[in-house]
Amino acid sequence: QVQLVESGGGLVQAGGSLRLSCAASGRTSSSYAMGWFRQAPGKEREFVAVINWSGGIAYYGDVVKGRFTISRDNGKNTLYLQMNSLKPEDTAVYYCAAGPQTAQAQGMYPYWGQGTQVTVSS
C-alpha cells in the first residue's frame, strides 16, 4: 500500500511559478513510477507528467512540455512538479499517482493522492 499527500498548490498570476510536492509513504513507494495528473472544472482528468522509479526517464503531456518539470527525491520519498510560465488554462486540481509502470494512462496507477488546487489568474 502506498499513501500519497500533495501540497504546494495555491493562487498565482499568469506567468508565475509554483512547485507542487507529493509525499509518499509505504514500503515500496520508491520503486514505483510516479505521475502527475490534473482535472479542470467540467473536464476529464488528464495526464501531465510521469517519472520512472529512478528519476532517469520522464514524459510530459504536450500542453505542459517545456514549462513543467517533474522530479523525485527517493531519499525523501517525495515527488515534485515545478511549474513555470503558468497560464489560466493550467487551473485545475493536481493529483499525484504511483504505479508499477511508467505510463500515461490513468488506469495504470492504483494509488492516488487527494489532490491540490492550482489557480492561475489572468
N, C-alpha and C. Protein backbone atom coordinates (compact mmCIF):
# COMPACT_ATOMS: atom_id res chain seq x y z
N GLN A 1 0.84 -1.19 0.00
CA GLN A 1 0.00 0.00 0.00
C GLN A 1 0.88 1.25 0.00
N VAL A 2 0.49 2.23 -0.78
CA VAL A 2 1.22 3.49 -0.87
C VAL A 2 0.25 4.62 -0.57
N GLN A 3 0.66 5.52 0.30
CA GLN A 3 -0.15 6.69 0.59
C GLN A 3 0.54 7.92 0.00
N LEU A 4 -0.26 8.81 -0.59
CA LEU A 4 0.27 9.98 -1.28
C LEU A 4 -0.43 11.24 -0.77
N VAL A 5 0.34 12.26 -0.47
CA VAL A 5 -0.23 13.54 0.00
C VAL A 5 0.42 14.68 -0.77
N GLU A 6 -0.40 15.40 -1.52
CA GLU A 6 0.09 16.53 -2.30
C GLU A 6 0.07 17.82 -1.47
N SER A 7 0.94 18.75 -1.85
CA SER A 7 0.97 20.08 -1.24
C SER A 7 1.59 21.05 -2.22
N GLY A 8 1.46 22.35 -1.92
CA GLY A 8 2.10 23.37 -2.74
C GLY A 8 1.19 24.11 -3.69
N GLY A 9 -0.06 23.70 -3.76
CA GLY A 9 -0.98 24.41 -4.63
C GLY A 9 -1.31 25.80 -4.08
N GLY A 10 -1.98 26.59 -4.90
CA GLY A 10 -2.34 27.93 -4.48
C GLY A 10 -2.76 28.78 -5.64
N LEU A 11 -2.81 30.08 -5.38
CA LEU A 11 -3.21 31.08 -6.38
C LEU A 11 -1.96 31.80 -6.88
N VAL A 12 -1.82 31.90 -8.18
CA VAL A 12 -0.66 32.56 -8.78
C VAL A 12 -1.12 33.31 -10.02
N GLN A 13 -0.42 34.39 -10.34
CA GLN A 13 -0.75 35.13 -11.56
C GLN A 13 -0.16 34.43 -12.78
N ALA A 14 -0.79 34.69 -13.92
CA ALA A 14 -0.28 34.14 -15.17
C ALA A 14 1.18 34.57 -15.36
N GLY A 15 1.98 33.61 -15.82
CA GLY A 15 3.39 33.85 -15.99
C GLY A 15 4.23 33.49 -14.78
N GLY A 16 3.58 33.22 -13.67
CA GLY A 16 4.28 32.88 -12.44
C GLY A 16 4.63 31.40 -12.37
N SER A 17 5.15 31.02 -11.20
CA SER A 17 5.62 29.66 -10.97
C SER A 17 5.08 29.10 -9.66
N LEU A 18 4.96 27.81 -9.60
CA LEU A 18 4.63 27.07 -8.39
C LEU A 18 5.38 25.75 -8.42
N ARG A 19 5.67 25.23 -7.23
CA ARG A 19 6.22 23.88 -7.14
C ARG A 19 5.32 23.03 -6.26
N LEU A 20 4.81 21.97 -6.85
CA LEU A 20 4.00 21.02 -6.12
C LEU A 20 4.89 19.91 -5.57
N SER A 21 4.49 19.40 -4.42
CA SER A 21 5.17 18.26 -3.82
C SER A 21 4.17 17.16 -3.55
N CYS A 22 4.65 15.94 -3.54
CA CYS A 22 3.82 14.78 -3.22
C CYS A 22 4.64 13.87 -2.33
N ALA A 23 4.24 13.79 -1.06
CA ALA A 23 4.94 12.94 -0.11
C ALA A 23 4.37 11.54 -0.16
N ALA A 24 5.23 10.57 -0.34
CA ALA A 24 4.80 9.18 -0.45
C ALA A 24 5.24 8.39 0.78
N SER A 25 4.41 7.48 1.19
CA SER A 25 4.77 6.58 2.28
C SER A 25 4.32 5.18 1.92
N GLY A 26 4.99 4.20 2.47
CA GLY A 26 4.72 2.82 2.13
C GLY A 26 6.03 2.11 1.87
N ARG A 27 6.01 0.82 2.02
CA ARG A 27 7.25 0.05 2.00
C ARG A 27 7.98 0.11 0.67
N THR A 28 7.25 0.18 -0.44
CA THR A 28 7.89 0.11 -1.75
C THR A 28 7.64 1.35 -2.58
N SER A 29 7.33 2.48 -1.95
CA SER A 29 6.98 3.67 -2.71
C SER A 29 8.10 4.12 -3.63
N SER A 30 9.35 3.95 -3.23
CA SER A 30 10.46 4.42 -4.07
C SER A 30 10.67 3.54 -5.30
N SER A 31 10.04 2.39 -5.36
CA SER A 31 10.20 1.51 -6.52
C SER A 31 9.12 1.73 -7.58
N TYR A 32 8.19 2.61 -7.33
CA TYR A 32 7.10 2.87 -8.26
C TYR A 32 7.40 4.05 -9.18
N ALA A 33 6.87 3.98 -10.38
CA ALA A 33 6.79 5.18 -11.21
C ALA A 33 5.76 6.12 -10.56
N MET A 34 5.97 7.41 -10.76
CA MET A 34 5.05 8.37 -10.17
C MET A 34 4.68 9.42 -11.21
N GLY A 35 3.43 9.83 -11.17
CA GLY A 35 2.95 10.76 -12.17
C GLY A 35 2.12 11.87 -11.59
N TRP A 36 1.94 12.89 -12.38
CA TRP A 36 1.03 13.99 -12.07
C TRP A 36 -0.09 14.01 -13.12
N PHE A 37 -1.29 14.20 -12.64
CA PHE A 37 -2.46 14.37 -13.48
C PHE A 37 -3.20 15.60 -12.99
N ARG A 38 -4.10 16.12 -13.82
CA ARG A 38 -4.87 17.28 -13.38
C ARG A 38 -6.28 17.20 -13.94
N GLN A 39 -7.19 17.85 -13.21
CA GLN A 39 -8.58 17.89 -13.65
C GLN A 39 -9.11 19.30 -13.46
N ALA A 40 -9.47 19.91 -14.57
CA ALA A 40 -10.06 21.24 -14.56
C ALA A 40 -11.58 21.11 -14.42
N PRO A 41 -12.24 22.15 -13.94
CA PRO A 41 -13.70 22.10 -13.79
C PRO A 41 -14.39 21.74 -15.10
N GLY A 42 -15.27 20.77 -15.03
CA GLY A 42 -16.03 20.38 -16.20
C GLY A 42 -15.27 19.56 -17.23
N LYS A 43 -14.04 19.20 -16.91
CA LYS A 43 -13.22 18.43 -17.86
C LYS A 43 -12.78 17.11 -17.24
N GLU A 44 -12.36 16.21 -18.10
CA GLU A 44 -11.83 14.95 -17.62
C GLU A 44 -10.41 15.13 -17.09
N ARG A 45 -10.03 14.24 -16.21
CA ARG A 45 -8.66 14.27 -15.69
C ARG A 45 -7.69 13.93 -16.81
N GLU A 46 -6.59 14.67 -16.88
CA GLU A 46 -5.63 14.47 -17.97
C GLU A 46 -4.22 14.27 -17.44
N PHE A 47 -3.42 13.63 -18.25
CA PHE A 47 -2.03 13.34 -17.93
C PHE A 47 -1.20 14.62 -18.00
N VAL A 48 -0.32 14.81 -17.02
CA VAL A 48 0.59 15.94 -17.01
C VAL A 48 2.04 15.48 -17.21
N ALA A 49 2.50 14.59 -16.35
CA ALA A 49 3.89 14.13 -16.44
C ALA A 49 4.06 12.85 -15.64
N VAL A 50 5.08 12.08 -16.00
CA VAL A 50 5.40 10.86 -15.26
C VAL A 50 6.91 10.71 -15.21
N ILE A 51 7.40 10.09 -14.14
CA ILE A 51 8.82 9.84 -13.97
C ILE A 51 9.00 8.41 -13.49
N ASN A 52 10.04 7.74 -13.98
CA ASN A 52 10.22 6.35 -13.58
C ASN A 52 10.82 6.27 -12.17
N TRP A 53 11.00 5.06 -11.67
CA TRP A 53 11.37 4.88 -10.27
C TRP A 53 12.72 5.53 -9.94
N SER A 54 13.64 5.55 -10.87
CA SER A 54 14.97 6.07 -10.58
C SER A 54 15.09 7.57 -10.87
N GLY A 55 14.13 8.10 -11.58
CA GLY A 55 14.21 9.51 -11.97
C GLY A 55 14.92 9.74 -13.28
N GLY A 56 15.31 8.66 -13.95
CA GLY A 56 16.07 8.81 -15.18
C GLY A 56 15.25 8.97 -16.44
N ILE A 57 13.97 8.70 -16.36
CA ILE A 57 13.09 8.79 -17.52
C ILE A 57 11.85 9.58 -17.14
N ALA A 58 11.50 10.54 -17.99
CA ALA A 58 10.31 11.35 -17.74
C ALA A 58 9.59 11.63 -19.05
N TYR A 59 8.28 11.69 -18.97
CA TYR A 59 7.45 12.03 -20.11
C TYR A 59 6.48 13.13 -19.70
N TYR A 60 6.11 13.96 -20.67
CA TYR A 60 5.23 15.10 -20.40
C TYR A 60 4.07 15.14 -21.38
N GLY A 61 2.96 15.67 -20.89
CA GLY A 61 1.86 15.95 -21.79
C GLY A 61 2.22 17.13 -22.69
N ASP A 62 1.65 17.15 -23.87
CA ASP A 62 2.00 18.18 -24.85
C ASP A 62 1.72 19.58 -24.33
N VAL A 63 0.67 19.74 -23.53
CA VAL A 63 0.27 21.09 -23.11
C VAL A 63 1.20 21.67 -22.05
N VAL A 64 2.04 20.86 -21.43
CA VAL A 64 2.93 21.36 -20.39
C VAL A 64 4.40 21.22 -20.77
N LYS A 65 4.68 20.56 -21.85
CA LYS A 65 6.06 20.31 -22.26
C LYS A 65 6.81 21.63 -22.43
N GLY A 66 7.98 21.70 -21.83
CA GLY A 66 8.79 22.90 -21.91
C GLY A 66 8.52 23.91 -20.81
N ARG A 67 7.43 23.71 -20.06
CA ARG A 67 7.09 24.64 -18.96
C ARG A 67 7.15 23.95 -17.60
N PHE A 68 6.81 22.69 -17.55
CA PHE A 68 6.78 21.93 -16.29
C PHE A 68 7.94 20.95 -16.26
N THR A 69 8.43 20.69 -15.04
CA THR A 69 9.49 19.71 -14.85
C THR A 69 9.14 18.80 -13.69
N ILE A 70 9.14 17.50 -13.94
CA ILE A 70 8.88 16.52 -12.89
C ILE A 70 10.21 15.99 -12.36
N SER A 71 10.27 15.77 -11.06
CA SER A 71 11.48 15.21 -10.46
C SER A 71 11.09 14.47 -9.19
N ARG A 72 12.01 13.71 -8.65
CA ARG A 72 11.73 12.97 -7.42
C ARG A 72 13.00 12.86 -6.60
N ASP A 73 12.81 12.75 -5.31
CA ASP A 73 13.91 12.53 -4.36
C ASP A 73 13.54 11.29 -3.57
N ASN A 74 14.09 10.15 -3.95
CA ASN A 74 13.72 8.90 -3.29
C ASN A 74 14.20 8.85 -1.84
N GLY A 75 15.24 9.59 -1.52
CA GLY A 75 15.70 9.64 -0.14
C GLY A 75 14.67 10.30 0.77
N LYS A 76 13.89 11.22 0.18
CA LYS A 76 12.84 11.91 0.93
C LYS A 76 11.45 11.38 0.59
N ASN A 77 11.39 10.37 -0.30
CA ASN A 77 10.10 9.81 -0.73
C ASN A 77 9.15 10.91 -1.19
N THR A 78 9.67 11.82 -2.00
CA THR A 78 8.89 12.96 -2.44
C THR A 78 9.00 13.15 -3.95
N LEU A 79 7.87 13.44 -4.54
CA LEU A 79 7.75 13.75 -5.96
C LEU A 79 7.49 15.25 -6.08
N TYR A 80 8.05 15.87 -7.13
CA TYR A 80 7.88 17.30 -7.33
C TYR A 80 7.35 17.59 -8.74
N LEU A 81 6.71 18.74 -8.86
CA LEU A 81 6.34 19.25 -10.17
C LEU A 81 6.61 20.75 -10.15
N GLN A 82 7.66 21.16 -10.84
CA GLN A 82 7.98 22.58 -10.98
C GLN A 82 7.20 23.11 -12.17
N MET A 83 6.36 24.10 -11.92
CA MET A 83 5.51 24.65 -12.96
C MET A 83 5.90 26.10 -13.20
N ASN A 84 6.36 26.39 -14.40
CA ASN A 84 6.77 27.74 -14.78
C ASN A 84 5.87 28.26 -15.91
N SER A 85 5.91 29.56 -16.11
CA SER A 85 5.13 30.18 -17.19
C SER A 85 3.67 29.73 -17.14
N LEU A 86 3.10 29.78 -15.97
CA LEU A 86 1.73 29.28 -15.79
C LEU A 86 0.73 30.12 -16.56
N LYS A 87 -0.30 29.43 -17.03
CA LYS A 87 -1.37 30.04 -17.82
C LYS A 87 -2.70 29.81 -17.11
N PRO A 88 -3.68 30.65 -17.35
CA PRO A 88 -5.00 30.41 -16.74
C PRO A 88 -5.55 29.02 -17.04
N GLU A 89 -5.25 28.49 -18.20
CA GLU A 89 -5.75 27.15 -18.55
C GLU A 89 -5.05 26.03 -17.79
N ASP A 90 -4.03 26.37 -17.00
CA ASP A 90 -3.41 25.38 -16.12
C ASP A 90 -4.20 25.22 -14.81
N THR A 91 -5.20 26.05 -14.61
CA THR A 91 -6.02 25.96 -13.41
C THR A 91 -6.71 24.60 -13.34
N ALA A 92 -6.49 23.90 -12.24
CA ALA A 92 -7.03 22.55 -12.08
C ALA A 92 -6.68 22.04 -10.69
N VAL A 93 -7.27 20.91 -10.34
CA VAL A 93 -6.81 20.14 -9.19
C VAL A 93 -5.74 19.19 -9.71
N TYR A 94 -4.59 19.22 -9.07
CA TYR A 94 -3.47 18.40 -9.48
C TYR A 94 -3.34 17.20 -8.53
N TYR A 95 -3.23 16.02 -9.14
CA TYR A 95 -3.14 14.78 -8.39
C TYR A 95 -1.81 14.10 -8.67
N CYS A 96 -1.22 13.51 -7.64
CA CYS A 96 -0.09 12.62 -7.90
C CYS A 96 -0.57 11.18 -7.79
N ALA A 97 0.13 10.31 -8.47
CA ALA A 97 -0.25 8.91 -8.53
C ALA A 97 1.01 8.05 -8.59
N ALA A 98 0.89 6.83 -8.13
CA ALA A 98 2.01 5.89 -8.15
C ALA A 98 1.56 4.58 -8.74
N GLY A 99 2.45 3.96 -9.52
CA GLY A 99 2.12 2.69 -10.15
C GLY A 99 3.35 1.95 -10.59
N PRO A 100 3.19 0.71 -11.01
CA PRO A 100 4.33 -0.14 -11.35
C PRO A 100 4.98 0.16 -12.69
N GLN A 101 4.30 0.91 -13.57
CA GLN A 101 4.84 1.20 -14.88
C GLN A 101 4.89 2.70 -15.15
N THR A 102 5.85 3.09 -15.97
CA THR A 102 5.99 4.50 -16.37
C THR A 102 5.01 4.75 -17.51
N ALA A 103 3.79 5.07 -17.14
CA ALA A 103 2.71 5.11 -18.11
C ALA A 103 1.98 6.44 -18.08
N GLN A 104 1.27 6.73 -19.17
CA GLN A 104 0.45 7.94 -19.24
C GLN A 104 -1.02 7.65 -18.95
N ALA A 105 -1.39 6.40 -19.02
CA ALA A 105 -2.79 6.03 -18.82
C ALA A 105 -3.14 5.99 -17.33
N GLN A 106 -4.22 6.63 -16.97
CA GLN A 106 -4.60 6.72 -15.56
C GLN A 106 -4.87 5.35 -14.96
N GLY A 107 -5.37 4.45 -15.77
CA GLY A 107 -5.70 3.12 -15.29
C GLY A 107 -4.51 2.30 -14.82
N MET A 108 -3.30 2.77 -15.16
CA MET A 108 -2.09 2.06 -14.75
C MET A 108 -1.64 2.43 -13.35
N TYR A 109 -2.37 3.33 -12.70
CA TYR A 109 -1.97 3.84 -11.39
C TYR A 109 -2.97 3.40 -10.32
N PRO A 110 -2.59 2.50 -9.45
CA PRO A 110 -3.51 2.07 -8.40
C PRO A 110 -3.56 3.00 -7.19
N TYR A 111 -2.58 3.88 -7.04
CA TYR A 111 -2.51 4.73 -5.86
C TYR A 111 -2.59 6.21 -6.26
N TRP A 112 -3.45 6.93 -5.54
CA TRP A 112 -3.71 8.33 -5.85
C TRP A 112 -3.74 9.17 -4.58
N GLY A 113 -3.30 10.42 -4.70
CA GLY A 113 -3.47 11.37 -3.63
C GLY A 113 -4.82 12.05 -3.72
N GLN A 114 -5.07 12.95 -2.78
CA GLN A 114 -6.36 13.65 -2.72
C GLN A 114 -6.41 14.88 -3.61
N GLY A 115 -5.27 15.36 -4.05
CA GLY A 115 -5.24 16.50 -4.95
C GLY A 115 -4.94 17.81 -4.26
N THR A 116 -4.40 18.75 -5.03
CA THR A 116 -4.15 20.09 -4.54
C THR A 116 -4.57 21.08 -5.62
N GLN A 117 -5.24 22.15 -5.21
CA GLN A 117 -5.80 23.10 -6.17
C GLN A 117 -4.74 24.09 -6.63
N VAL A 118 -4.67 24.28 -7.92
CA VAL A 118 -3.83 25.32 -8.52
C VAL A 118 -4.74 26.25 -9.30
N THR A 119 -4.67 27.53 -9.00
CA THR A 119 -5.48 28.52 -9.69
C THR A 119 -4.57 29.59 -10.26
N VAL A 120 -4.67 29.81 -11.56
CA VAL A 120 -3.85 30.81 -12.24
C VAL A 120 -4.75 31.93 -12.71
N SER A 121 -4.51 33.11 -12.22
CA SER A 121 -5.33 34.26 -12.60
C SER A 121 -4.71 35.00 -13.78
N SER A 122 -5.58 35.57 -14.58
CA SER A 122 -5.11 36.28 -15.78
C SER A 122 -4.83 37.74 -15.48
